[in-house]
Protein backbone atom coordinates (compact mmCIF):
# COMPACT_ATOMS: atom_id res chain seq x y z
CA MET A 1 1.32 -28.30 28.07
CA GLN A 2 3.77 -25.74 26.74
CA PHE A 3 2.86 -24.17 23.40
CA LYS A 4 5.50 -24.72 20.75
CA ARG A 5 5.62 -21.90 18.22
CA ALA A 6 5.56 -22.84 14.54
CA TRP A 7 8.18 -20.65 12.91
CA LYS A 8 7.76 -19.93 9.21
CA GLN A 9 9.47 -18.15 6.35
CA VAL A 10 8.48 -14.50 6.37
CA ASP A 11 10.21 -12.21 3.88
CA GLY A 12 9.99 -8.44 4.12
CA VAL A 13 10.84 -5.25 5.96
CA LEU A 14 8.91 -3.93 8.94
CA LEU A 15 9.16 -0.24 9.76
CA LEU A 16 8.76 -0.36 13.52
CA ASP A 17 8.13 2.65 15.73
CA LYS A 18 10.25 1.47 18.67
CA PRO A 19 9.03 2.47 22.14
CA ILE A 20 11.25 3.91 24.83
CA GLY A 21 12.89 1.43 27.18
CA LEU A 22 13.39 -1.45 24.73
CA THR A 23 16.72 -2.39 23.22
CA SER A 24 16.73 -2.85 19.46
CA ASN A 25 17.14 -6.60 19.90
CA ASP A 26 14.23 -6.78 22.37
CA ALA A 27 12.04 -4.95 19.85
CA LEU A 28 13.19 -7.27 17.07
CA GLN A 29 12.39 -10.42 19.06
CA LYS A 30 8.93 -9.14 20.04
CA ALA A 31 8.12 -8.32 16.41
CA ARG A 32 9.60 -11.59 15.19
CA ARG A 33 7.33 -13.56 17.55
CA LEU A 34 4.28 -11.63 16.37
CA PHE A 35 5.05 -12.64 12.78
CA SER A 36 6.32 -16.14 13.75
CA ALA A 37 9.26 -15.28 11.50
CA ALA A 38 11.99 -17.92 11.44
CA LYS A 39 14.70 -15.39 10.73
CA GLY A 40 15.03 -11.72 11.60
CA GLY A 41 17.52 -8.91 12.05
CA HIS A 42 17.69 -5.14 12.44
CA THR A 43 19.53 -2.52 10.45
CA GLY A 44 21.48 -0.91 13.27
CA THR A 45 20.72 -0.25 16.91
CA LEU A 46 18.56 2.48 18.36
CA ASP A 47 19.32 3.38 21.98
CA PRO A 48 16.82 2.10 24.59
CA LEU A 49 16.10 5.69 25.65
CA ALA A 50 15.29 6.66 22.05
CA THR A 51 12.05 6.05 20.19
CA GLY A 52 11.15 6.00 16.53
CA LEU A 53 12.09 4.32 13.30
CA LEU A 54 13.76 0.93 13.58
CA PRO A 55 13.67 -0.97 10.27
CA LEU A 56 13.49 -4.72 10.90
CA CYS A 57 14.26 -7.38 8.32
CA PHE A 58 12.71 -10.82 8.06
CA GLY A 59 13.78 -13.78 5.97
CA GLU A 60 15.50 -12.91 2.70
CA ALA A 61 15.47 -9.20 3.56
CA THR A 62 18.13 -9.86 6.23
CA LYS A 63 20.63 -10.27 3.39
CA PHE A 64 20.39 -6.52 2.83
CA SER A 65 20.15 -5.28 6.44
CA ALA A 66 23.79 -4.16 6.52
CA ASP A 67 23.14 -1.84 3.57
CA LEU A 68 21.37 0.62 5.90
CA LEU A 69 24.20 0.79 8.44
CA ASP A 70 25.86 3.56 6.41
CA ALA A 71 22.61 5.42 5.68
CA ASP A 72 21.98 9.00 6.75
CA LYS A 73 19.47 9.47 9.56
CA THR A 74 17.19 12.19 10.92
CA TYR A 75 16.34 12.72 14.58
CA GLU A 76 14.15 14.98 16.66
CA ALA A 77 16.03 15.82 19.85
CA GLU A 78 14.85 17.42 23.09
CA ILE A 79 17.62 19.19 24.98
CA LYS A 80 17.58 20.64 28.49
CA LEU A 81 19.73 23.74 28.74
CA GLY A 82 21.55 24.73 31.91
CA VAL A 83 22.26 21.20 33.17
CA THR A 84 25.30 19.12 32.17
CA THR A 85 25.54 15.39 32.90
CA ASP A 86 28.50 13.04 32.73
CA SER A 87 26.82 10.89 30.08
CA GLY A 88 25.35 13.68 27.99
CA ASP A 89 21.82 12.38 28.57
CA ALA A 90 19.23 12.13 31.31
CA GLU A 91 20.65 8.85 32.68
CA GLY A 92 23.88 10.46 33.78
CA GLU A 93 24.91 12.23 36.96
CA ILE A 94 24.59 16.01 37.02
CA ILE A 95 28.05 17.54 37.01
CA ALA A 96 27.24 21.23 36.44
CA THR A 97 24.34 23.67 36.39
CA ALA A 98 24.06 27.21 35.10
CA ALA A 99 21.50 29.94 34.62
CA VAL A 100 19.81 29.90 31.21
CA ASP A 101 19.46 33.19 29.36
CA VAL A 102 19.18 32.00 25.78
CA GLU A 103 17.17 33.38 22.87
CA LYS A 104 16.60 31.82 19.47
CA SER A 105 19.05 34.30 18.02
CA ASP A 106 21.77 32.83 20.25
CA ILE A 107 21.02 29.36 18.96
CA PHE A 108 21.05 30.50 15.33
CA ARG A 109 24.43 32.08 16.08
CA VAL A 110 26.08 28.86 17.31
CA LEU A 111 24.46 26.25 15.05
CA PRO A 112 26.77 26.91 12.06
CA GLN A 113 29.62 25.53 14.23
CA PHE A 114 27.86 22.17 14.22
CA THR A 115 26.78 21.81 10.60
CA GLY A 116 28.78 20.30 7.75
CA ASP A 117 31.78 18.08 8.37
CA ILE A 118 32.64 18.16 12.08
CA ARG A 119 34.50 16.03 14.61
CA GLN A 120 33.01 14.54 17.76
CA ILE A 121 34.68 12.94 20.75
CA PRO A 122 32.71 9.76 21.47
CA PRO A 123 31.19 9.68 24.97
CA MET A 124 32.50 7.34 27.64
CA HIS A 125 28.95 6.06 28.02
CA SER A 126 28.97 4.32 24.64
CA ALA A 127 29.35 0.83 23.21
CA LEU A 128 32.69 1.61 21.58
CA LYS A 129 35.34 -0.80 22.79
CA ARG A 130 38.78 -0.30 24.29
CA ASN A 131 40.87 -3.46 24.59
CA GLY A 132 37.76 -5.52 24.03
CA ARG A 133 35.71 -3.79 26.74
CA PRO A 134 32.80 -1.40 26.03
CA LEU A 135 33.54 2.12 27.19
CA TYR A 136 30.34 2.22 29.25
CA GLU A 137 31.72 -0.54 31.48
CA LEU A 138 34.75 1.61 32.25
CA ALA A 139 32.55 4.68 32.75
CA ARG A 140 30.46 2.85 35.35
CA LYS A 141 33.65 2.23 37.32
CA GLY A 142 34.61 5.90 37.13
CA ILE A 143 37.39 5.23 34.62
CA GLU A 144 37.84 7.67 31.76
CA VAL A 145 40.16 6.99 28.83
CA GLU A 146 41.24 9.18 25.97
CA ARG A 147 39.07 8.91 22.84
CA GLU A 148 40.03 9.98 19.36
CA PRO A 149 37.69 12.50 17.68
CA ARG A 150 35.59 10.98 14.91
CA ALA A 151 34.55 12.66 11.67
CA VAL A 152 30.78 12.92 11.11
CA THR A 153 28.58 15.08 8.90
CA ILE A 154 25.63 17.14 10.10
CA HIS A 155 23.62 17.87 6.96
CA ALA A 156 21.13 20.22 8.62
CA ILE A 157 19.88 21.38 12.01
CA ALA A 158 16.46 23.02 12.37
CA ILE A 159 15.07 24.63 15.52
CA LEU A 160 11.66 23.12 16.26
CA SER A 161 11.01 25.07 19.45
CA LEU A 162 12.56 26.89 22.40
CA ALA A 163 10.46 27.01 25.56
CA GLY A 164 12.29 28.21 28.66
CA ASP A 165 15.23 25.86 29.17
CA THR A 166 13.96 23.22 26.70
CA LEU A 167 15.27 23.26 23.15
CA SER A 168 13.94 20.98 20.42
CA LEU A 169 15.91 20.37 17.24
CA ARG A 170 15.63 18.32 14.06
CA VAL A 171 19.01 16.92 13.04
CA ALA A 172 19.84 15.27 9.71
CA CYS A 173 23.21 13.55 9.99
CA SER A 174 25.58 10.83 8.84
CA LYS A 175 26.10 7.47 10.49
CA GLY A 176 28.11 7.51 13.70
CA THR A 177 26.75 10.85 14.92
CA TYR A 178 26.17 11.06 18.68
CA ILE A 179 23.19 13.36 19.23
CA ARG A 180 23.91 13.60 22.98
CA VAL A 181 27.42 14.80 22.20
CA LEU A 182 25.90 17.34 19.82
CA ALA A 183 23.50 18.46 22.59
CA ALA A 184 26.32 18.86 25.11
CA ASP A 185 28.50 20.73 22.63
CA ILE A 186 25.69 23.11 21.73
CA GLY A 187 25.10 23.77 25.43
CA LYS A 188 28.78 24.47 25.90
CA ALA A 189 28.79 26.89 22.96
CA LEU A 190 25.80 28.69 24.48
CA GLY A 191 27.68 29.02 27.77
CA CYS A 192 25.10 27.24 29.92
CA GLY A 193 25.69 23.54 29.30
CA ALA A 194 23.02 21.05 28.23
CA HIS A 195 22.08 17.41 28.03
CA LEU A 196 19.79 15.27 25.89
CA THR A 197 16.42 14.43 27.45
CA GLY A 198 14.57 12.89 24.51
CA LEU A 199 15.40 11.43 21.10
CA ARG A 200 13.16 10.22 18.29
CA ARG A 201 14.45 8.87 14.97
CA THR A 202 12.22 9.79 12.04
CA VAL A 203 14.22 8.86 8.92
CA VAL A 204 16.72 6.13 7.99
CA GLY A 205 17.98 6.41 4.41
CA ASP A 206 14.82 6.86 2.35
CA LEU A 207 12.60 5.11 4.93
CA ASP A 208 10.26 7.35 6.91
CA LEU A 209 8.58 7.03 10.31
CA ALA A 210 5.25 8.03 8.72
CA ARG A 211 4.94 4.49 7.31
CA SER A 212 5.80 2.76 10.59
CA VAL A 213 3.71 0.73 13.03
CA THR A 214 3.99 0.15 16.79
CA LEU A 215 4.21 -3.18 18.59
CA GLU A 216 0.91 -2.38 20.31
CA GLU A 217 -0.80 -1.87 16.96
CA LEU A 218 0.60 -5.15 15.63
CA GLU A 219 -0.66 -7.01 18.71
CA THR A 220 -4.26 -6.00 17.90
CA LEU A 221 -4.10 -7.39 14.35
CA ASP A 222 -4.58 -10.86 12.92
CA GLU A 223 -1.99 -12.52 10.68
CA ALA A 224 -3.27 -10.89 7.50
CA GLY A 225 -3.37 -7.46 9.13
CA ARG A 226 0.22 -7.76 10.32
CA ALA A 227 1.35 -8.95 6.90
CA GLY A 228 -0.17 -5.78 5.45
CA HIS A 229 2.44 -3.75 7.32
CA LEU A 230 5.37 -5.61 5.76
CA GLN A 231 7.28 -3.75 3.09
CA PRO A 232 8.74 -5.85 0.24
CA VAL A 233 12.26 -7.26 0.48
CA ASP A 234 13.57 -4.58 -1.89
CA ALA A 235 12.37 -1.74 0.38
CA LEU A 236 15.98 -1.29 1.50
CA LEU A 237 17.28 -1.11 -2.07
CA HIS A 238 15.30 1.71 -3.66
CA SER A 239 18.40 3.86 -4.18
CA LEU A 240 19.97 1.23 -6.47
CA PRO A 241 19.55 1.15 -10.27
CA VAL A 242 17.48 -1.67 -11.78
CA VAL A 243 18.25 -4.33 -14.39
CA MET A 244 15.52 -6.64 -15.71
CA LEU A 245 16.62 -10.10 -16.85
CA GLU A 246 14.71 -12.62 -18.93
CA GLY A 247 14.98 -16.25 -19.96
CA GLU A 248 18.45 -17.79 -19.99
CA SER A 249 20.10 -14.67 -18.53
CA ALA A 250 17.79 -14.77 -15.51
CA GLU A 251 18.51 -18.46 -14.95
CA ARG A 252 22.25 -17.93 -15.23
CA PHE A 253 22.13 -15.13 -12.66
CA ARG A 254 19.91 -17.17 -10.30
CA HIS A 255 22.57 -19.90 -10.32
CA GLY A 256 25.40 -17.52 -9.44
CA ASN A 257 26.77 -16.93 -12.95
CA PRO A 258 27.60 -13.57 -14.57
CA VAL A 259 25.49 -12.09 -17.37
CA ASP A 260 26.07 -9.39 -19.95
CA LEU A 261 25.63 -5.83 -18.71
CA ALA A 262 24.55 -2.73 -20.57
CA ALA A 263 27.16 0.04 -20.68
CA GLY A 264 26.96 2.92 -18.23
CA LEU A 265 25.91 1.04 -15.09
CA ALA A 266 28.18 0.92 -12.03
CA GLY A 267 28.04 -0.05 -8.36
CA LYS A 268 25.37 -2.24 -6.81
CA ILE A 269 22.39 -3.01 -9.04
CA ARG A 270 18.97 -4.51 -8.25
CA ILE A 271 18.18 -7.48 -10.46
CA TYR A 272 14.62 -8.56 -11.31
CA ALA A 273 13.11 -11.38 -13.34
CA ASP A 274 9.38 -11.77 -14.04
CA GLY A 275 8.79 -8.67 -11.93
CA ARG A 276 10.40 -10.20 -8.82
CA LEU A 277 13.66 -9.36 -7.11
CA ILE A 278 16.19 -12.15 -7.58
CA GLY A 279 19.26 -10.47 -6.15
CA VAL A 280 21.86 -7.73 -6.22
CA GLY A 281 24.82 -7.69 -8.57
CA GLU A 282 27.87 -5.61 -9.39
CA PRO A 283 29.86 -5.13 -12.59
CA GLY A 284 33.08 -7.15 -12.64
CA ALA A 285 36.43 -6.29 -14.20
CA ASP A 286 35.29 -8.22 -17.29
CA GLY A 287 32.37 -5.81 -17.80
CA ARG A 288 29.76 -8.44 -16.94
CA LEU A 289 27.20 -8.35 -14.14
CA TRP A 290 28.17 -10.67 -11.29
CA PRO A 291 25.79 -11.84 -8.53
CA LYS A 292 26.64 -10.57 -5.05
CA ARG A 293 23.50 -11.56 -3.12
CA LEU A 294 20.73 -13.83 -4.37
CA VAL A 295 17.27 -14.13 -2.86
CA GLN A 296 14.81 -16.99 -2.96
CA LEU A 297 11.38 -15.63 -2.20
CA ALA A 298 8.44 -17.87 -1.45
CA ALA A 299 5.95 -18.05 -4.30
């Protein structure tokens, strides 16, 4: 007799330490089954070859998952110098090799070229689409098309180590940054070429890998233990200002109606009543606070 899972309402944010080899959706579905969560989503994909922080949203938290798509991120990257691949990472075909005679001083010399506001040419081995087709499909057929450079921001690059032909960096960057393109460009600037061999995401917005949990750890826990790893629904909203509503104002907001707003507040605002998140609002042209997303959390 086939077991039929009983899905239930689970509201919260899980900071998952994604393993290598899983797509973001595979990781989401595995975690969702462990929590028996009726609804789940992620906050932006992490490449199967990458590990690290993948914030997952369950239940009412999915209403805010898109808010992290634009968040800054931090990665730890392992780069092999002296070998260039057609994809910029270890999955690609080797297209060039060169002797490596690189010191830390050489790396410090070239890194300023790649910090601040820069432009990157997206790789052919990417999910960007051309005429409705992902570029990686064209790349697999040996077809290369022209790609427009994209503006990204590299906030900081730190050298973690240099051992022989292996360089490790910590990169804090804006959304849309291709770390394998950065690795290849650094290798080109050093005159030896390079490709990305390992990538681990450690920070998304103000969420940190230090508070994450692995799928293996979750599998060893009972329901209460797993629930202890869930962050509250507002874990994705900590950068937003807070307004506390009471009485009639709280009820009006809960039912989708605007309420009076104190002067000086702008942009998205977290709204609470009785110490619980009830939604996110924004000031309207009339100066009142209008609901944008409402949440209904289980008691």
